[in-house]
Amino acid sequence: MMGGNPNQLAKQMQQMQTKLAKIQEELGSETVEASVGGGMVTIVMTGHQEVQAVTIDPEALDPDDVETLQDLMVAAFNEALRKSQELAGQRLGALTGGMKIPGLM
C-alpha cells in the first residue's frame, strides 16, 4: 500500500488527469501518414484514429482490377491506424511511465 499524504496524492492524480486531457486533445490535431503501393494510396489519420484524407493515384483506378485498389486501401488504412496507435502510445507513455492503461492506448 502506498503511504503519504492523501491530499498530496489527490493533487498528483488531478495533475495527471490534466496532463492526460491535454495530451488527448493534442492527439486530435497531430496526424500520421501511411502510403502504400509506391504512393498509389495515401491515408492521413489523426492521433484519435480519425481519417482526415485519402489520396488515390489515378493510375490505381483500373475498373478491371478493383481488388488491387481495395487491397491497397485496406493496407494503407491499417498502416495509418498502426502509426496513429504508436503515436498515442508514445505521447501517453511519457505520462504513464510506460504502463499500459486500458482505454488509453
PDB file of N, CA and C in Angstrom:
ATOM      1  N   MET A   1       0.837  -1.189   0.000  1.00  0.00           N
ATOM      2  CA  MET A   1       0.000   0.000   0.000  1.00  0.00           C
ATOM      3  C   MET A   1       0.878   1.246   0.000  1.00  0.00           C
ATOM      4  N   MET A   2       0.443   2.259  -0.680  1.00  0.00           N
ATOM      5  CA  MET A   2       1.221   3.483  -0.765  1.00  0.00           C
ATOM      6  C   MET A   2       0.991   4.342   0.460  1.00  0.00           C
ATOM      7  N   GLY A   3       2.090   4.873   0.992  1.00  0.00           N
ATOM      8  CA  GLY A   3       1.972   5.783   2.118  1.00  0.00           C
ATOM      9  C   GLY A   3       1.970   7.206   1.610  1.00  0.00           C
ATOM     10  N   GLY A   4       1.885   8.137   2.526  1.00  0.00           N
ATOM     11  CA  GLY A   4       1.957   9.533   2.125  1.00  0.00           C
ATOM     12  C   GLY A   4       0.681  10.272   2.425  1.00  0.00           C
ATOM     13  N   ASN A   5       0.702  11.501   2.111  1.00  0.00           N
ATOM     14  CA  ASN A   5      -0.393  12.409   2.378  1.00  0.00           C
ATOM     15  C   ASN A   5      -1.499  12.204   1.338  1.00  0.00           C
ATOM     16  N   PRO A   6      -2.708  11.866   1.774  1.00  0.00           N
ATOM     17  CA  PRO A   6      -3.804  11.673   0.822  1.00  0.00           C
ATOM     18  C   PRO A   6      -4.094  12.930  -0.004  1.00  0.00           C
ATOM     19  N   ASN A   7      -3.921  14.097   0.592  1.00  0.00           N
ATOM     20  CA  ASN A   7      -4.151  15.342  -0.151  1.00  0.00           C
ATOM     21  C   ASN A   7      -3.121  15.506  -1.270  1.00  0.00           C
ATOM     22  N   GLN A   8      -1.869  15.142  -0.957  1.00  0.00           N
ATOM     23  CA  GLN A   8      -0.813  15.245  -1.965  1.00  0.00           C
ATOM     24  C   GLN A   8      -1.072  14.255  -3.106  1.00  0.00           C
ATOM     25  N   LEU A   9      -1.500  13.044  -2.751  1.00  0.00           N
ATOM     26  CA  LEU A   9      -1.813  12.028  -3.754  1.00  0.00           C
ATOM     27  C   LEU A   9      -2.964  12.492  -4.642  1.00  0.00           C
ATOM     28  N   ALA A  10      -3.991  13.065  -4.038  1.00  0.00           N
ATOM     29  CA  ALA A  10      -5.132  13.574  -4.811  1.00  0.00           C
ATOM     30  C   ALA A  10      -4.683  14.694  -5.750  1.00  0.00           C
ATOM     31  N   LYS A  11      -3.786  15.556  -5.278  1.00  0.00           N
ATOM     32  CA  LYS A  11      -3.279  16.645  -6.111  1.00  0.00           C
ATOM     33  C   LYS A  11      -2.483  16.083  -7.288  1.00  0.00           C
ATOM     34  N   GLN A  12      -1.664  15.067  -7.042  1.00  0.00           N
ATOM     35  CA  GLN A  12      -0.883  14.442  -8.109  1.00  0.00           C
ATOM     36  C   GLN A  12      -1.800  13.786  -9.143  1.00  0.00           C
ATOM     37  N   MET A  13      -2.851  13.134  -8.673  1.00  0.00           N
ATOM     38  CA  MET A  13      -3.805  12.499  -9.583  1.00  0.00           C
ATOM     39  C   MET A  13      -4.506  13.551 -10.440  1.00  0.00           C
ATOM     40  N   GLN A  14      -4.862  14.670  -9.846  1.00  0.00           N
ATOM     41  CA  GLN A  14      -5.514  15.739 -10.584  1.00  0.00           C
ATOM     42  C   GLN A  14      -4.569  16.312 -11.647  1.00  0.00           C
ATOM     43  N   GLN A  15      -3.292  16.478 -11.287  1.00  0.00           N
ATOM     44  CA  GLN A  15      -2.308  16.977 -12.250  1.00  0.00           C
ATOM     45  C   GLN A  15      -2.145  15.981 -13.410  1.00  0.00           C
ATOM     46  N   MET A  16      -2.139  14.705 -13.086  1.00  0.00           N
ATOM     47  CA  MET A  16      -2.006  13.677 -14.118  1.00  0.00           C
ATOM     48  C   MET A  16      -3.222  13.697 -15.043  1.00  0.00           C
ATOM     49  N   GLN A  17      -4.410  13.857 -14.487  1.00  0.00           N
ATOM     50  CA  GLN A  17      -5.626  13.923 -15.304  1.00  0.00           C
ATOM     51  C   GLN A  17      -5.591  15.137 -16.224  1.00  0.00           C
ATOM     52  N   THR A  18      -5.096  16.262 -15.730  1.00  0.00           N
ATOM     53  CA  THR A  18      -4.989  17.476 -16.545  1.00  0.00           C
ATOM     54  C   THR A  18      -4.016  17.247 -17.692  1.00  0.00           C
ATOM     55  N   LYS A  19      -2.863  16.637 -17.396  1.00  0.00           N
ATOM     56  CA  LYS A  19      -1.875  16.349 -18.439  1.00  0.00           C
ATOM     57  C   LYS A  19      -2.434  15.357 -19.454  1.00  0.00           C
ATOM     58  N   LEU A  20      -3.152  14.364 -18.975  1.00  0.00           N
ATOM     59  CA  LEU A  20      -3.754  13.367 -19.859  1.00  0.00           C
ATOM     60  C   LEU A  20      -4.756  14.023 -20.806  1.00  0.00           C
ATOM     61  N   ALA A  21      -5.592  14.894 -20.280  1.00  0.00           N
ATOM     62  CA  ALA A  21      -6.579  15.588 -21.118  1.00  0.00           C
ATOM     63  C   ALA A  21      -5.880  16.438 -22.176  1.00  0.00           C
ATOM     64  N   LYS A  22      -4.786  17.092 -21.801  1.00  0.00           N
ATOM     65  CA  LYS A  22      -4.041  17.914 -22.764  1.00  0.00           C
ATOM     66  C   LYS A  22      -3.435  17.040 -23.857  1.00  0.00           C
ATOM     67  N   ILE A  23      -2.842  15.916 -23.479  1.00  0.00           N
ATOM     68  CA  ILE A  23      -2.247  15.008 -24.466  1.00  0.00           C
ATOM     69  C   ILE A  23      -3.322  14.484 -25.408  1.00  0.00           C
ATOM     70  N   GLN A  24      -4.462  14.079 -24.868  1.00  0.00           N
ATOM     71  CA  GLN A  24      -5.534  13.566 -25.715  1.00  0.00           C
ATOM     72  C   GLN A  24      -6.042  14.641 -26.671  1.00  0.00           C
ATOM     73  N   GLU A  25      -6.121  15.869 -26.210  1.00  0.00           N
ATOM     74  CA  GLU A  25      -6.546  16.966 -27.083  1.00  0.00           C
ATOM     75  C   GLU A  25      -5.520  17.183 -28.197  1.00  0.00           C
ATOM     76  N   GLU A  26      -4.247  17.169 -27.843  1.00  0.00           N
ATOM     77  CA  GLU A  26      -3.185  17.359 -28.831  1.00  0.00           C
ATOM     78  C   GLU A  26      -3.185  16.246 -29.877  1.00  0.00           C
ATOM     79  N   LEU A  27      -3.497  15.023 -29.456  1.00  0.00           N
ATOM     80  CA  LEU A  27      -3.527  13.900 -30.395  1.00  0.00           C
ATOM     81  C   LEU A  27      -4.569  14.123 -31.493  1.00  0.00           C
ATOM     82  N   GLY A  28      -5.601  14.871 -31.187  1.00  0.00           N
ATOM     83  CA  GLY A  28      -6.624  15.157 -32.182  1.00  0.00           C
ATOM     84  C   GLY A  28      -6.131  16.041 -33.312  1.00  0.00           C
ATOM     85  N   SER A  29      -5.077  16.808 -33.042  1.00  0.00           N
ATOM     86  CA  SER A  29      -4.552  17.684 -34.087  1.00  0.00           C
ATOM     87  C   SER A  29      -3.263  17.145 -34.711  1.00  0.00           C
ATOM     88  N   GLU A  30      -2.692  16.113 -34.121  1.00  0.00           N
ATOM     89  CA  GLU A  30      -1.500  15.504 -34.702  1.00  0.00           C
ATOM     90  C   GLU A  30      -1.925  14.456 -35.723  1.00  0.00           C
ATOM     91  N   THR A  31      -1.152  14.336 -36.795  1.00  0.00           N
ATOM     92  CA  THR A  31      -1.501  13.380 -37.837  1.00  0.00           C
ATOM     93  C   THR A  31      -0.323  12.471 -38.172  1.00  0.00           C
ATOM     94  N   VAL A  32      -0.676  11.328 -38.719  1.00  0.00           N
ATOM     95  CA  VAL A  32       0.292  10.402 -39.286  1.00  0.00           C
ATOM     96  C   VAL A  32      -0.140  10.152 -40.728  1.00  0.00           C
ATOM     97  N   GLU A  33       0.812   9.720 -41.543  1.00  0.00           N
ATOM     98  CA  GLU A  33       0.516   9.449 -42.941  1.00  0.00           C
ATOM     99  C   GLU A  33       1.044   8.074 -43.299  1.00  0.00           C
ATOM    100  N   ALA A  34       0.237   7.309 -44.003  1.00  0.00           N
ATOM    101  CA  ALA A  34       0.644   5.988 -44.484  1.00  0.00           C
ATOM    102  C   ALA A  34       0.417   5.938 -45.985  1.00  0.00           C
ATOM    103  N   SER A  35       1.443   5.494 -46.686  1.00  0.00           N
ATOM    104  CA  SER A  35       1.369   5.403 -48.136  1.00  0.00           C
ATOM    105  C   SER A  35       1.775   3.991 -48.541  1.00  0.00           C
ATOM    106  N   VAL A  36       1.009   3.380 -49.438  1.00  0.00           N
ATOM    107  CA  VAL A  36       1.296   2.023 -49.896  1.00  0.00           C
ATOM    108  C   VAL A  36       1.285   1.976 -51.418  1.00  0.00           C
ATOM    109  N   GLY A  37       1.817   0.882 -51.936  1.00  0.00           N
ATOM    110  CA  GLY A  37       1.807   0.693 -53.382  1.00  0.00           C
ATOM    111  C   GLY A  37       2.631   1.735 -54.111  1.00  0.00           C
ATOM    112  N   GLY A  38       3.748   2.145 -53.507  1.00  0.00           N
ATOM    113  CA  GLY A  38       4.565   3.158 -54.145  1.00  0.00           C
ATOM    114  C   GLY A  38       3.873   4.502 -54.258  1.00  0.00           C
ATOM    115  N   GLY A  39       3.001   4.802 -53.303  1.00  0.00           N
ATOM    116  CA  GLY A  39       2.287   6.074 -53.308  1.00  0.00           C
ATOM    117  C   GLY A  39       0.941   6.024 -54.011  1.00  0.00           C
ATOM    118  N   MET A  40       0.510   4.828 -54.382  1.00  0.00           N
ATOM    119  CA  MET A  40      -0.781   4.705 -55.071  1.00  0.00           C
ATOM    120  C   MET A  40      -1.947   5.105 -54.167  1.00  0.00           C
ATOM    121  N   VAL A  41      -1.833   4.767 -52.871  1.00  0.00           N
ATOM    122  CA  VAL A  41      -2.877   5.126 -51.908  1.00  0.00           C
ATOM    123  C   VAL A  41      -2.191   5.693 -50.667  1.00  0.00           C
ATOM    124  N   THR A  42      -2.665   6.861 -50.228  1.00  0.00           N
ATOM    125  CA  THR A  42      -2.128   7.501 -49.030  1.00  0.00           C
ATOM    126  C   THR A  42      -3.294   7.876 -48.129  1.00  0.00           C
ATOM    127  N   ILE A  43      -3.123   7.598 -46.840  1.00  0.00           N
ATOM    128  CA  ILE A  43      -4.149   7.952 -45.851  1.00  0.00           C
ATOM    129  C   ILE A  43      -3.495   8.792 -44.768  1.00  0.00           C
ATOM    130  N   VAL A  44      -4.157   9.888 -44.402  1.00  0.00           N
ATOM    131  CA  VAL A  44      -3.737  10.735 -43.292  1.00  0.00           C
ATOM    132  C   VAL A  44      -4.753  10.526 -42.172  1.00  0.00           C
ATOM    133  N   MET A  45      -4.243  10.247 -40.966  1.00  0.00           N
ATOM    134  CA  MET A  45      -5.102   9.939 -39.821  1.00  0.00           C
ATOM    135  C   MET A  45      -4.620  10.720 -38.607  1.00  0.00           C
ATOM    136  N   THR A  46      -5.556  11.129 -37.751  1.00  0.00           N
ATOM    137  CA  THR A  46      -5.194  11.836 -36.524  1.00  0.00           C
ATOM    138  C   THR A  46      -4.789  10.839 -35.444  1.00  0.00           C
ATOM    139  N   GLY A  47      -4.261  11.390 -34.361  1.00  0.00           N
ATOM    140  CA  GLY A  47      -3.934  10.582 -33.195  1.00  0.00           C
ATOM    141  C   GLY A  47      -5.163  10.021 -32.501  1.00  0.00           C
ATOM    142  N   HIS A  48      -6.349  10.456 -32.921  1.00  0.00           N
ATOM    143  CA  HIS A  48      -7.614   9.910 -32.423  1.00  0.00           C
ATOM    144  C   HIS A  48      -8.160   8.827 -33.346  1.00  0.00           C
ATOM    145  N   GLN A  49      -7.351   8.387 -34.296  1.00  0.00           N
ATOM    146  CA  GLN A  49      -7.718   7.366 -35.281  1.00  0.00           C
ATOM    147  C   GLN A  49      -8.875   7.800 -36.167  1.00  0.00           C
ATOM    148  N   GLU A  50      -8.906   9.080 -36.506  1.00  0.00           N
ATOM    149  CA  GLU A  50      -9.902   9.599 -37.442  1.00  0.00           C
ATOM    150  C   GLU A  50      -9.210   9.877 -38.766  1.00  0.00           C
ATOM    151  N   VAL A  51      -9.769   9.346 -39.845  1.00  0.00           N
ATOM    152  CA  VAL A  51      -9.195   9.569 -41.163  1.00  0.00           C
ATOM    153  C   VAL A  51      -9.461  11.014 -41.576  1.00  0.00           C
ATOM    154  N   GLN A  52      -8.397  11.720 -41.963  1.00  0.00           N
ATOM    155  CA  GLN A  52      -8.503  13.113 -42.394  1.00  0.00           C
ATOM    156  C   GLN A  52      -8.493  13.242 -43.908  1.00  0.00           C
ATOM    157  N   ALA A  53      -7.745  12.347 -44.571  1.00  0.00           N
ATOM    158  CA  ALA A  53      -7.644  12.449 -46.027  1.00  0.00           C
ATOM    159  C   ALA A  53      -7.278  11.102 -46.620  1.00  0.00           C
ATOM    160  N   VAL A  54      -7.796  10.865 -47.805  1.00  0.00           N
ATOM    161  CA  VAL A  54      -7.454   9.677 -48.598  1.00  0.00           C
ATOM    162  C   VAL A  54      -7.075  10.192 -49.978  1.00  0.00           C
ATOM    163  N   THR A  55      -5.897   9.798 -50.429  1.00  0.00           N
ATOM    164  CA  THR A  55      -5.443  10.186 -51.760  1.00  0.00           C
ATOM    165  C   THR A  55      -5.207   8.921 -52.566  1.00  0.00           C
ATOM    166  N   ILE A  56      -5.807   8.875 -53.752  1.00  0.00           N
ATOM    167  CA  ILE A  56      -5.665   7.718 -54.637  1.00  0.00           C
ATOM    168  C   ILE A  56      -5.077   8.205 -55.951  1.00  0.00           C
ATOM    169  N   ASP A  57      -3.951   7.630 -56.325  1.00  0.00           N
ATOM    170  CA  ASP A  57      -3.329   7.959 -57.606  1.00  0.00           C
ATOM    171  C   ASP A  57      -4.266   7.489 -58.717  1.00  0.00           C
ATOM    172  N   PRO A  58      -4.539   8.335 -59.694  1.00  0.00           N
ATOM    173  CA  PRO A  58      -5.440   7.941 -60.786  1.00  0.00           C
ATOM    174  C   PRO A  58      -5.018   6.648 -61.485  1.00  0.00           C
ATOM    175  N   GLU A  59      -3.732   6.341 -61.453  1.00  0.00           N
ATOM    176  CA  GLU A  59      -3.276   5.099 -62.081  1.00  0.00           C
ATOM    177  C   GLU A  59      -3.782   3.864 -61.345  1.00  0.00           C
ATOM    178  N   ALA A  60      -4.198   4.034 -60.095  1.00  0.00           N
ATOM    179  CA  ALA A  60      -4.720   2.909 -59.324  1.00  0.00           C
ATOM    180  C   ALA A  60      -6.178   2.614 -59.670  1.00  0.00           C
ATOM    181  N   LEU A  61      -6.804   3.475 -60.435  1.00  0.00           N
ATOM    182  CA  LEU A  61      -8.216   3.320 -60.782  1.00  0.00           C
ATOM    183  C   LEU A  61      -8.373   2.505 -62.067  1.00  0.00           C
ATOM    184  N   ASP A  62      -8.299   1.206 -61.907  1.00  0.00           N
ATOM    185  CA  ASP A  62      -8.458   0.286 -63.042  1.00  0.00           C
ATOM    186  C   ASP A  62      -9.764  -0.477 -62.842  1.00  0.00           C
ATOM    187  N   PRO A  63     -10.799  -0.192 -63.641  1.00  0.00           N
ATOM    188  CA  PRO A  63     -12.092  -0.856 -63.451  1.00  0.00           C
ATOM    189  C   PRO A  63     -12.005  -2.371 -63.612  1.00  0.00           C
ATOM    190  N   ASP A  64     -10.976  -2.862 -64.281  1.00  0.00           N
ATOM    191  CA  ASP A  64     -10.820  -4.306 -64.450  1.00  0.00           C
ATOM    192  C   ASP A  64     -10.060  -4.946 -63.300  1.00  0.00           C
ATOM    193  N   ASP A  65      -9.568  -4.127 -62.342  1.00  0.00           N
ATOM    194  CA  ASP A  65      -8.794  -4.662 -61.216  1.00  0.00           C
ATOM    195  C   ASP A  65      -9.139  -3.916 -59.933  1.00  0.00           C
ATOM    196  N   VAL A  66     -10.395  -3.940 -59.568  1.00  0.00           N
ATOM    197  CA  VAL A  66     -10.871  -3.263 -58.366  1.00  0.00           C
ATOM    198  C   VAL A  66     -10.261  -3.880 -57.112  1.00  0.00           C
ATOM    199  N   GLU A  67      -9.993  -5.180 -57.140  1.00  0.00           N
ATOM    200  CA  GLU A  67      -9.474  -5.879 -55.970  1.00  0.00           C
ATOM    201  C   GLU A  67      -8.129  -5.306 -55.527  1.00  0.00           C
ATOM    202  N   THR A  68      -7.279  -4.934 -56.459  1.00  0.00           N
ATOM    203  CA  THR A  68      -5.980  -4.372 -56.083  1.00  0.00           C
ATOM    204  C   THR A  68      -6.166  -3.058 -55.345  1.00  0.00           C
ATOM    205  N   LEU A  69      -7.052  -2.193 -55.823  1.00  0.00           N
ATOM    206  CA  LEU A  69      -7.314  -0.934 -55.137  1.00  0.00           C
ATOM    207  C   LEU A  69      -7.889  -1.193 -53.747  1.00  0.00           C
ATOM    208  N   GLN A  70      -8.774  -2.153 -53.632  1.00  0.00           N
ATOM    209  CA  GLN A  70      -9.338  -2.489 -52.330  1.00  0.00           C
ATOM    210  C   GLN A  70      -8.248  -2.960 -51.375  1.00  0.00           C
ATOM    211  N   ASP A  71      -7.349  -3.804 -51.866  1.00  0.00           N
ATOM    212  CA  ASP A  71      -6.243  -4.288 -51.034  1.00  0.00           C
ATOM    213  C   ASP A  71      -5.333  -3.143 -50.603  1.00  0.00           C
ATOM    214  N   LEU A  72      -5.062  -2.214 -51.528  1.00  0.00           N
ATOM    215  CA  LEU A  72      -4.229  -1.054 -51.194  1.00  0.00           C
ATOM    216  C   LEU A  72      -4.900  -0.180 -50.138  1.00  0.00           C
ATOM    217  N   MET A  73      -6.210   0.002 -50.263  1.00  0.00           N
ATOM    218  CA  MET A  73      -6.950   0.809 -49.281  1.00  0.00           C
ATOM    219  C   MET A  73      -6.873   0.182 -47.888  1.00  0.00           C
ATOM    220  N   VAL A  74      -7.079  -1.120 -47.821  1.00  0.00           N
ATOM    221  CA  VAL A  74      -7.015  -1.821 -46.534  1.00  0.00           C
ATOM    222  C   VAL A  74      -5.616  -1.702 -45.946  1.00  0.00           C
ATOM    223  N   ALA A  75      -4.597  -1.933 -46.768  1.00  0.00           N
ATOM    224  CA  ALA A  75      -3.209  -1.862 -46.294  1.00  0.00           C
ATOM    225  C   ALA A  75      -2.864  -0.458 -45.799  1.00  0.00           C
ATOM    226  N   ALA A  76      -3.283   0.565 -46.537  1.00  0.00           N
ATOM    227  CA  ALA A  76      -2.999   1.944 -46.145  1.00  0.00           C
ATOM    228  C   ALA A  76      -3.721   2.304 -44.849  1.00  0.00           C
ATOM    229  N   PHE A  77      -4.973   1.904 -44.747  1.00  0.00           N
ATOM    230  CA  PHE A  77      -5.731   2.191 -43.524  1.00  0.00           C
ATOM    231  C   PHE A  77      -5.085   1.512 -42.321  1.00  0.00           C
ATOM    232  N   ASN A  78      -4.746   0.235 -42.462  1.00  0.00           N
ATOM    233  CA  ASN A  78      -4.148  -0.499 -41.349  1.00  0.00           C
ATOM    234  C   ASN A  78      -2.802   0.090 -40.940  1.00  0.00           C
ATOM    235  N   GLU A  79      -2.014   0.519 -41.907  1.00  0.00           N
ATOM    236  CA  GLU A  79      -0.726   1.138 -41.596  1.00  0.00           C
ATOM    237  C   GLU A  79      -0.922   2.483 -40.902  1.00  0.00           C
ATOM    238  N   ALA A  80      -1.883   3.276 -41.359  1.00  0.00           N
ATOM    239  CA  ALA A  80      -2.176   4.557 -40.711  1.00  0.00           C
ATOM    240  C   ALA A  80      -2.678   4.330 -39.287  1.00  0.00           C
ATOM    241  N   LEU A  81      -3.518   3.334 -39.108  1.00  0.00           N
ATOM    242  CA  LEU A  81      -4.021   3.016 -37.773  1.00  0.00           C
ATOM    243  C   LEU A  81      -2.886   2.598 -36.850  1.00  0.00           C
ATOM    244  N   ARG A  82      -1.982   1.765 -37.348  1.00  0.00           N
ATOM    245  CA  ARG A  82      -0.826   1.325 -36.543  1.00  0.00           C
ATOM    246  C   ARG A  82       0.021   2.531 -36.145  1.00  0.00           C
ATOM    247  N   LYS A  83       0.285   3.416 -37.097  1.00  0.00           N
ATOM    248  CA  LYS A  83       1.095   4.604 -36.813  1.00  0.00           C
ATOM    249  C   LYS A  83       0.391   5.524 -35.816  1.00  0.00           C
ATOM    250  N   SER A  84      -0.916   5.665 -35.943  1.00  0.00           N
ATOM    251  CA  SER A  84      -1.680   6.505 -35.034  1.00  0.00           C
ATOM    252  C   SER A  84      -1.648   5.942 -33.611  1.00  0.00           C
ATOM    253  N   GLN A  85      -1.794   4.638 -33.506  1.00  0.00           N
ATOM    254  CA  GLN A  85      -1.741   3.999 -32.188  1.00  0.00           C
ATOM    255  C   GLN A  85      -0.345   4.120 -31.583  1.00  0.00           C
ATOM    256  N   GLU A  86       0.669   4.017 -32.426  1.00  0.00           N
ATOM    257  CA  GLU A  86       2.043   4.171 -31.958  1.00  0.00           C
ATOM    258  C   GLU A  86       2.278   5.596 -31.450  1.00  0.00           C
ATOM    259  N   LEU A  87       1.774   6.577 -32.181  1.00  0.00           N
ATOM    260  CA  LEU A  87       1.881   7.973 -31.764  1.00  0.00           C
ATOM    261  C   LEU A  87       1.212   8.178 -30.403  1.00  0.00           C
ATOM    262  N   ALA A  88      -0.004   7.670 -30.260  1.00  0.00           N
ATOM    263  CA  ALA A  88      -0.727   7.801 -28.993  1.00  0.00           C
ATOM    264  C   ALA A  88       0.038   7.105 -27.871  1.00  0.00           C
ATOM    265  N   GLY A  89       0.581   5.932 -28.157  1.00  0.00           N
ATOM    266  CA  GLY A  89       1.352   5.207 -27.151  1.00  0.00           C
ATOM    267  C   GLY A  89       2.577   5.975 -26.705  1.00  0.00           C
ATOM    268  N   GLN A  90       3.240   6.628 -27.653  1.00  0.00           N
ATOM    269  CA  GLN A  90       4.418   7.431 -27.310  1.00  0.00           C
ATOM    270  C   GLN A  90       4.032   8.609 -26.436  1.00  0.00           C
ATOM    271  N   ARG A  91       2.984   9.321 -26.832  1.00  0.00           N
ATOM    272  CA  ARG A  91       2.586  10.511 -26.075  1.00  0.00           C
ATOM    273  C   ARG A  91       2.084  10.131 -24.680  1.00  0.00           C
ATOM    274  N   LEU A  92       1.251   9.111 -24.615  1.00  0.00           N
ATOM    275  CA  LEU A  92       0.685   8.716 -23.326  1.00  0.00           C
ATOM    276  C   LEU A  92       1.702   7.963 -22.475  1.00  0.00           C
ATOM    277  N   GLY A  93       2.628   7.254 -23.120  1.00  0.00           N
ATOM    278  CA  GLY A  93       3.659   6.522 -22.387  1.00  0.00           C
ATOM    279  C   GLY A  93       4.534   7.441 -21.567  1.00  0.00           C
ATOM    280  N   ALA A  94       4.768   8.643 -22.064  1.00  0.00           N
ATOM    281  CA  ALA A  94       5.559   9.614 -21.315  1.00  0.00           C
ATOM    282  C   ALA A  94       4.857   9.999 -20.021  1.00  0.00           C
ATOM    283  N   LEU A  95       3.544  10.030 -20.047  1.00  0.00           N
ATOM    284  CA  LEU A  95       2.765  10.398 -18.867  1.00  0.00           C
ATOM    285  C   LEU A  95       2.608   9.224 -17.902  1.00  0.00           C
ATOM    286  N   THR A  96       2.377   8.031 -18.466  1.00  0.00           N
ATOM    287  CA  THR A  96       2.083   6.876 -17.625  1.00  0.00           C
ATOM    288  C   THR A  96       3.324   6.090 -17.235  1.00  0.00           C
ATOM    289  N   GLY A  97       4.487   6.528 -17.696  1.00  0.00           N
ATOM    290  CA  GLY A  97       5.722   5.837 -17.363  1.00  0.00           C
ATOM    291  C   GLY A  97       5.797   4.470 -18.007  1.00  0.00           C
ATOM    292  N   GLY A  98       5.117   4.293 -19.142  1.00  0.00           N
ATOM    293  CA  GLY A  98       5.160   3.032 -19.862  1.00  0.00           C
ATOM    294  C   GLY A  98       4.093   2.043 -19.443  1.00  0.00           C
ATOM    295  N   MET A  99       3.286   2.378 -18.426  1.00  0.00           N
ATOM    296  CA  MET A  99       2.223   1.473 -18.004  1.00  0.00           C
ATOM    297  C   MET A  99       1.174   1.412 -19.094  1.00  0.00           C
ATOM    298  N   LYS A 100       0.651   0.217 -19.352  1.00  0.00           N
ATOM    299  CA  LYS A 100      -0.451   0.048 -20.305  1.00  0.00           C
ATOM    300  C   LYS A 100      -1.751   0.225 -19.537  1.00  0.00           C
ATOM    301  N   ILE A 101      -2.447   1.303 -19.825  1.00  0.00           N
ATOM    302  CA  ILE A 101      -3.717   1.579 -19.130  1.00  0.00           C
ATOM    303  C   ILE A 101      -4.834   1.334 -20.134  1.00  0.00           C
ATOM    304  N   PRO A 102      -5.692   0.334 -19.887  1.00  0.00           N
ATOM    305  CA  PRO A 102      -6.782   0.042 -20.833  1.00  0.00           C
ATOM    306  C   PRO A 102      -7.619   1.267 -21.120  1.00  0.00           C
ATOM    307  N   GLY A 103      -7.943   1.428 -22.405  1.00  0.00           N
ATOM    308  CA  GLY A 103      -8.774   2.547 -22.822  1.00  0.00           C
ATOM    309  C   GLY A 103      -7.989   3.792 -23.188  1.00  0.00           C
ATOM    310  N   LEU A 104      -6.702   3.834 -22.823  1.00  0.00           N
ATOM    311  CA  LEU A 104      -5.881   4.994 -23.152  1.00  0.00           C
ATOM    312  C   LEU A 104      -4.998   4.731 -24.357  1.00  0.00           C
ATOM    313  N   MET A 105      -4.648   3.479 -24.583  1.00  0.00           N
ATOM    314  CA  MET A 105      -3.731   3.161 -25.692  1.00  0.00           C
ATOM    315  C   MET A 105      -4.274   2.020 -26.486  1.00  0.00           C
TER     316      MET A 105
END
